[in-house]
Amino acid sequence: MALNAPFHVYRQSVAGRVDLHWHEFYELCFVRSGRGTNVVNGEPHGLEPGSMFLLTPADFHEIELAPGETMEILNLVFLEEVLTDELRELLFPGILKLQTRLDAAEASGMQAEFDRVLAEFNDSRPGGSLMIKATLTRMLVGLARQCRQDRGSSDSGIREALRSAHPGMQKALMYVHHHFREALTLEEVARQAKLTPNYFSHTFRKLSGISFQSLPAGAASDVCQIAAGCKRPAGDGSMPRFRL
């Protein structure tokens, strides 16, 4: 696989605490062995064999192992360009938490998918990127379906109003959510919704009560909460970050 491929897969052995950090990429993780707690944006989630979760560039997380445990995690990291519009809508409909625990049969199948991706990543034959993208898509769809079955998805009144006003509004908000560290322009975000800047700005302010133009000055956290119910730790600018 080319060094500039938009994804990477590896096995990780965790023997101690993983301190709070964030990534500049998406990370799909599957726990093969070990037990502990994954704290995502301040919310704890238990980890055990068969646990699976997806982290976005907007998430801060840390892992604390149970006493005496060592954890083996399969990691598949990828860039935003890998996600199609249809896949974004499935994964990020509102505040669906993309963390679940698979039963024995599902976990065995998911581990096989990770093994398939790892084999393709190390294979020099042509078509490897296509195989990995197809397998990753299947894995992400499976995760989204399982999380819906576990908890169902829910939306605040503001999120539903934004989506009803124009189908692209939710996509634009999620774009802001995943890029909140960047100095986004009105034109750039309006393009995500496929609207003119003026119409996007008018609709955004009317339904959310927030002026989009104020976001670079520090209102990104408000949009983050509207778009996905995210609560970021204080002082996030100093947290360690990881690049693909």
Protein backbone atom coordinates (compact mmCIF):
# COMPACT_ATOMS: atom_id res chain seq x y z
CA MET A 1 0.00 0.00 0.00
CA ALA A 2 1.29 3.48 -0.84
CA LEU A 3 2.68 5.55 2.03
CA ASN A 4 0.23 8.36 1.19
CA ALA A 5 -2.84 6.10 1.41
CA PRO A 6 -5.76 7.71 3.28
CA PHE A 7 -5.87 4.89 5.84
CA HIS A 8 -3.63 2.78 8.02
CA VAL A 9 -4.27 -0.35 10.08
CA TYR A 10 -2.26 -1.75 12.97
CA ARG A 11 -2.44 -3.78 16.18
CA GLN A 12 -1.88 -1.95 19.45
CA SER A 13 -0.91 -3.45 22.80
CA VAL A 14 -1.84 -1.23 25.75
CA ALA A 15 -0.10 -2.04 29.02
CA GLY A 16 -0.84 1.17 30.93
CA ARG A 17 -2.94 4.28 30.88
CA VAL A 18 -3.46 6.13 27.58
CA ASP A 19 -3.53 9.84 28.46
CA LEU A 20 -6.13 12.26 27.16
CA HIS A 21 -5.48 13.18 23.51
CA TRP A 22 -7.12 13.81 20.15
CA HIS A 23 -6.50 12.85 16.54
CA GLU A 24 -6.55 14.66 13.22
CA PHE A 25 -8.17 11.60 11.65
CA TYR A 26 -10.97 9.09 12.23
CA GLU A 27 -10.13 5.95 14.17
CA LEU A 28 -12.12 2.70 14.23
CA CYS A 29 -11.08 0.49 17.15
CA PHE A 30 -11.88 -3.11 18.11
CA VAL A 31 -10.84 -4.66 21.43
CA ARG A 32 -9.49 -8.20 21.04
CA SER A 33 -8.54 -8.73 24.67
CA GLY A 34 -8.37 -6.90 27.98
CA ARG A 35 -10.74 -4.77 30.02
CA GLY A 36 -10.82 -1.12 30.96
CA THR A 37 -12.61 2.17 30.41
CA ASN A 38 -12.61 4.48 27.39
CA VAL A 39 -13.46 8.06 28.41
CA VAL A 40 -14.71 9.98 25.36
CA ASN A 41 -15.42 13.69 25.81
CA GLY A 42 -15.71 13.12 29.54
CA GLU A 43 -18.13 10.18 29.27
CA PRO A 44 -16.89 6.72 30.39
CA HIS A 45 -17.54 3.59 28.33
CA GLY A 46 -16.57 0.12 29.46
CA LEU A 47 -14.17 -1.83 27.25
CA GLU A 48 -13.92 -5.62 27.04
CA PRO A 49 -13.28 -8.19 24.32
CA GLY A 50 -15.69 -7.43 21.46
CA SER A 51 -15.97 -3.70 22.21
CA MET A 52 -15.86 -1.47 19.15
CA PHE A 53 -15.90 2.30 18.78
CA LEU A 54 -15.30 5.11 16.29
CA LEU A 55 -13.46 8.32 17.20
CA THR A 56 -13.74 11.47 15.08
CA PRO A 57 -11.36 14.46 14.86
CA ALA A 58 -13.70 16.25 17.30
CA ASP A 59 -13.32 13.66 20.06
CA PHE A 60 -10.97 13.67 23.04
CA HIS A 61 -10.41 10.34 24.71
CA GLU A 62 -8.30 8.45 27.22
CA ILE A 63 -8.13 4.77 28.17
CA GLU A 64 -7.65 3.41 31.67
CA LEU A 65 -7.09 -0.33 32.07
CA ALA A 66 -8.58 -2.45 34.81
CA PRO A 67 -5.98 -3.55 37.42
CA GLY A 68 -3.64 -6.22 36.08
CA GLU A 69 -5.01 -6.02 32.53
CA THR A 70 -3.23 -5.64 29.20
CA MET A 71 -5.37 -4.70 26.21
CA GLU A 72 -4.94 -5.58 22.55
CA ILE A 73 -6.72 -3.22 20.18
CA LEU A 74 -7.08 -3.39 16.40
CA ASN A 75 -6.98 0.14 14.96
CA LEU A 76 -8.04 1.34 11.53
CA VAL A 77 -7.38 5.04 11.04
CA PHE A 78 -8.55 6.96 7.98
CA LEU A 79 -8.97 10.45 6.60
CA GLU A 80 -12.22 12.30 6.01
CA GLU A 81 -11.98 11.82 2.25
CA VAL A 82 -12.81 8.14 2.70
CA LEU A 83 -16.35 8.93 3.94
CA THR A 84 -19.10 9.28 1.33
CA ASP A 85 -22.09 11.57 1.95
CA GLU A 86 -24.33 8.55 2.46
CA LEU A 87 -21.96 7.09 5.04
CA ARG A 88 -21.72 10.41 6.90
CA GLU A 89 -25.50 10.59 7.18
CA LEU A 90 -25.63 7.05 8.53
CA LEU A 91 -22.84 7.56 11.08
CA PHE A 92 -23.66 11.09 12.24
CA PRO A 93 -27.45 11.57 12.31
CA GLY A 94 -27.42 13.42 15.62
CA ILE A 95 -26.03 12.26 18.95
CA LEU A 96 -25.72 8.58 18.17
CA LYS A 97 -22.77 7.33 20.22
CA LEU A 98 -20.62 5.11 18.05
CA GLN A 99 -19.55 2.65 20.74
CA THR A 100 -20.90 -0.87 21.21
CA ARG A 101 -20.05 -4.39 22.31
CA LEU A 102 -20.47 -7.18 19.78
CA ASP A 103 -21.56 -10.68 20.72
CA ALA A 104 -19.19 -13.61 20.13
CA ALA A 105 -20.31 -14.33 16.57
CA GLU A 106 -20.31 -10.66 15.52
CA ALA A 107 -16.94 -10.08 17.19
CA SER A 108 -15.43 -13.02 15.32
CA GLY A 109 -16.73 -11.62 12.04
CA MET A 110 -15.43 -8.12 12.82
CA GLN A 111 -12.01 -9.46 13.72
CA ALA A 112 -11.94 -11.23 10.36
CA GLU A 113 -12.73 -7.91 8.66
CA PHE A 114 -9.81 -6.23 10.44
CA ASP A 115 -7.54 -9.13 9.45
CA ARG A 116 -8.69 -8.72 5.84
CA VAL A 117 -7.86 -5.02 5.88
CA LEU A 118 -4.45 -5.69 7.44
CA ALA A 119 -3.68 -8.31 4.78
CA GLU A 120 -4.68 -5.92 1.97
CA PHE A 121 -2.67 -3.10 3.51
CA ASN A 122 0.46 -5.24 3.36
CA ASP A 123 -0.32 -6.63 -0.11
CA SER A 124 1.43 -5.01 -3.07
CA ARG A 125 -1.07 -6.24 -5.65
CA PRO A 126 -3.26 -3.64 -7.42
CA GLY A 127 -6.73 -2.91 -6.09
CA GLY A 128 -5.76 -2.87 -2.42
CA SER A 129 -7.26 0.58 -1.76
CA LEU A 130 -10.57 -0.49 -3.29
CA MET A 131 -10.67 -3.62 -1.14
CA ILE A 132 -9.89 -1.67 2.01
CA LYS A 133 -12.51 1.00 1.30
CA ALA A 134 -15.15 -1.64 0.63
CA THR A 135 -14.32 -3.53 3.82
CA LEU A 136 -14.15 -0.33 5.89
CA THR A 137 -17.55 0.75 4.58
CA ARG A 138 -19.04 -2.59 5.57
CA MET A 139 -17.50 -2.30 9.05
CA LEU A 140 -18.79 1.25 9.59
CA VAL A 141 -22.31 0.35 8.42
CA GLY A 142 -22.29 -2.59 10.80
CA LEU A 143 -21.20 -0.36 13.69
CA ALA A 144 -23.88 2.24 12.95
CA ARG A 145 -26.60 -0.41 12.76
CA GLN A 146 -25.50 -1.99 16.02
CA CYS A 147 -25.38 1.36 17.84
CA ARG A 148 -28.90 2.17 16.65
CA GLN A 149 -30.06 -1.19 17.93
CA ASP A 150 -28.33 -0.57 21.26
CA ARG A 151 -29.58 2.93 21.95
CA GLY A 152 -31.47 4.39 19.02
CA SER A 153 -30.65 7.87 17.74
CA SER A 154 -32.07 11.10 19.10
CA ASP A 155 -32.05 14.70 18.00
CA SER A 156 -32.59 17.97 19.78
CA GLY A 157 -35.31 20.29 18.53
CA ILE A 158 -32.68 22.58 17.04
CA ARG A 159 -31.00 19.78 15.13
CA GLU A 160 -34.33 18.58 13.75
CA ALA A 161 -35.32 22.12 12.77
CA LEU A 162 -32.00 22.64 11.00
CA ARG A 163 -32.40 19.43 9.06
CA SER A 164 -36.02 20.23 8.18
CA ALA A 165 -35.07 23.69 6.94
CA HIS A 166 -32.70 22.17 4.39
CA PRO A 167 -31.24 18.66 4.12
CA GLY A 168 -27.72 20.06 3.90
CA MET A 169 -27.84 21.96 7.19
CA GLN A 170 -27.10 18.91 9.33
CA LYS A 171 -24.17 17.99 7.08
CA ALA A 172 -22.78 21.51 7.41
CA LEU A 173 -23.11 21.42 11.20
CA MET A 174 -21.33 18.09 11.41
CA TYR A 175 -18.57 19.52 9.22
CA VAL A 176 -18.15 22.36 11.72
CA HIS A 177 -18.21 19.84 14.57
CA HIS A 178 -15.38 17.78 13.07
CA HIS A 179 -13.33 20.86 12.07
CA PHE A 180 -13.92 23.07 15.10
CA ARG A 181 -10.17 23.67 15.56
CA GLU A 182 -9.92 25.33 12.14
CA ALA A 183 -10.77 28.90 11.17
CA LEU A 184 -13.71 27.99 8.94
CA THR A 185 -15.22 30.54 6.57
CA LEU A 186 -18.91 31.05 5.93
CA GLU A 187 -18.40 30.21 2.26
CA GLU A 188 -16.66 26.92 3.05
CA VAL A 189 -19.39 25.71 5.41
CA ALA A 190 -22.21 26.89 3.13
CA ARG A 191 -20.70 24.74 0.36
CA GLN A 192 -21.14 21.68 2.59
CA ALA A 193 -24.88 22.43 2.71
CA LYS A 194 -24.95 23.31 -1.01
CA LEU A 195 -26.42 26.71 -0.18
CA THR A 196 -25.39 30.29 -0.90
CA PRO A 197 -23.52 31.92 2.00
CA ASN A 198 -26.29 34.45 2.56
CA TYR A 199 -29.06 31.85 2.69
CA PHE A 200 -27.02 29.55 4.92
CA SER A 201 -26.20 32.40 7.31
CA HIS A 202 -29.85 33.50 7.47
CA THR A 203 -31.16 29.98 8.10
CA PHE A 204 -28.44 29.18 10.64
CA ARG A 205 -29.08 32.28 12.72
CA LYS A 206 -32.87 31.98 12.48
CA LEU A 207 -32.97 28.40 13.75
CA SER A 208 -30.01 28.25 16.14
CA GLY A 209 -29.93 31.78 17.51
CA ILE A 210 -26.16 31.88 16.86
CA SER A 211 -24.38 34.10 14.38
CA PHE A 212 -22.13 31.90 12.27
CA GLN A 213 -19.75 34.80 11.70
CA SER A 214 -18.91 34.74 15.41
CA LEU A 215 -17.62 31.16 15.31
CA PRO A 216 -13.95 31.98 14.66
CA ALA A 217 -14.07 34.21 17.73
CA GLY A 218 -14.92 31.26 19.97
CA ALA A 219 -18.49 30.08 19.42
CA ALA A 220 -17.51 26.76 17.82
CA SER A 221 -18.29 24.93 21.05
CA ASP A 222 -21.92 26.06 20.77
CA VAL A 223 -22.20 24.59 17.28
CA CYS A 224 -20.47 21.44 18.44
CA GLN A 225 -23.14 20.91 21.09
CA ILE A 226 -25.96 21.64 18.62
CA ALA A 227 -24.58 19.29 16.01
CA ALA A 228 -23.66 16.30 18.14
CA GLY A 229 -24.06 16.93 21.84
CA CYS A 230 -20.27 17.03 22.24
CA LYS A 231 -18.76 18.16 25.53
CA ARG A 232 -15.07 18.85 25.19
CA PRO A 233 -12.66 19.06 28.11
CA ALA A 234 -11.47 22.47 29.17
CA GLY A 235 -8.08 23.47 27.80
CA ASP A 236 -8.41 21.30 24.72
CA GLY A 237 -5.87 23.35 22.80
CA SER A 238 -3.03 21.92 24.88
CA MET A 239 -3.98 18.25 24.47
CA PRO A 240 -1.65 15.93 22.56
CA ARG A 241 -2.71 15.32 18.96
CA PHE A 242 -1.86 12.58 16.51
CA ARG A 243 -1.63 12.75 12.71
CA LEU A 244 -2.07 9.97 10.17
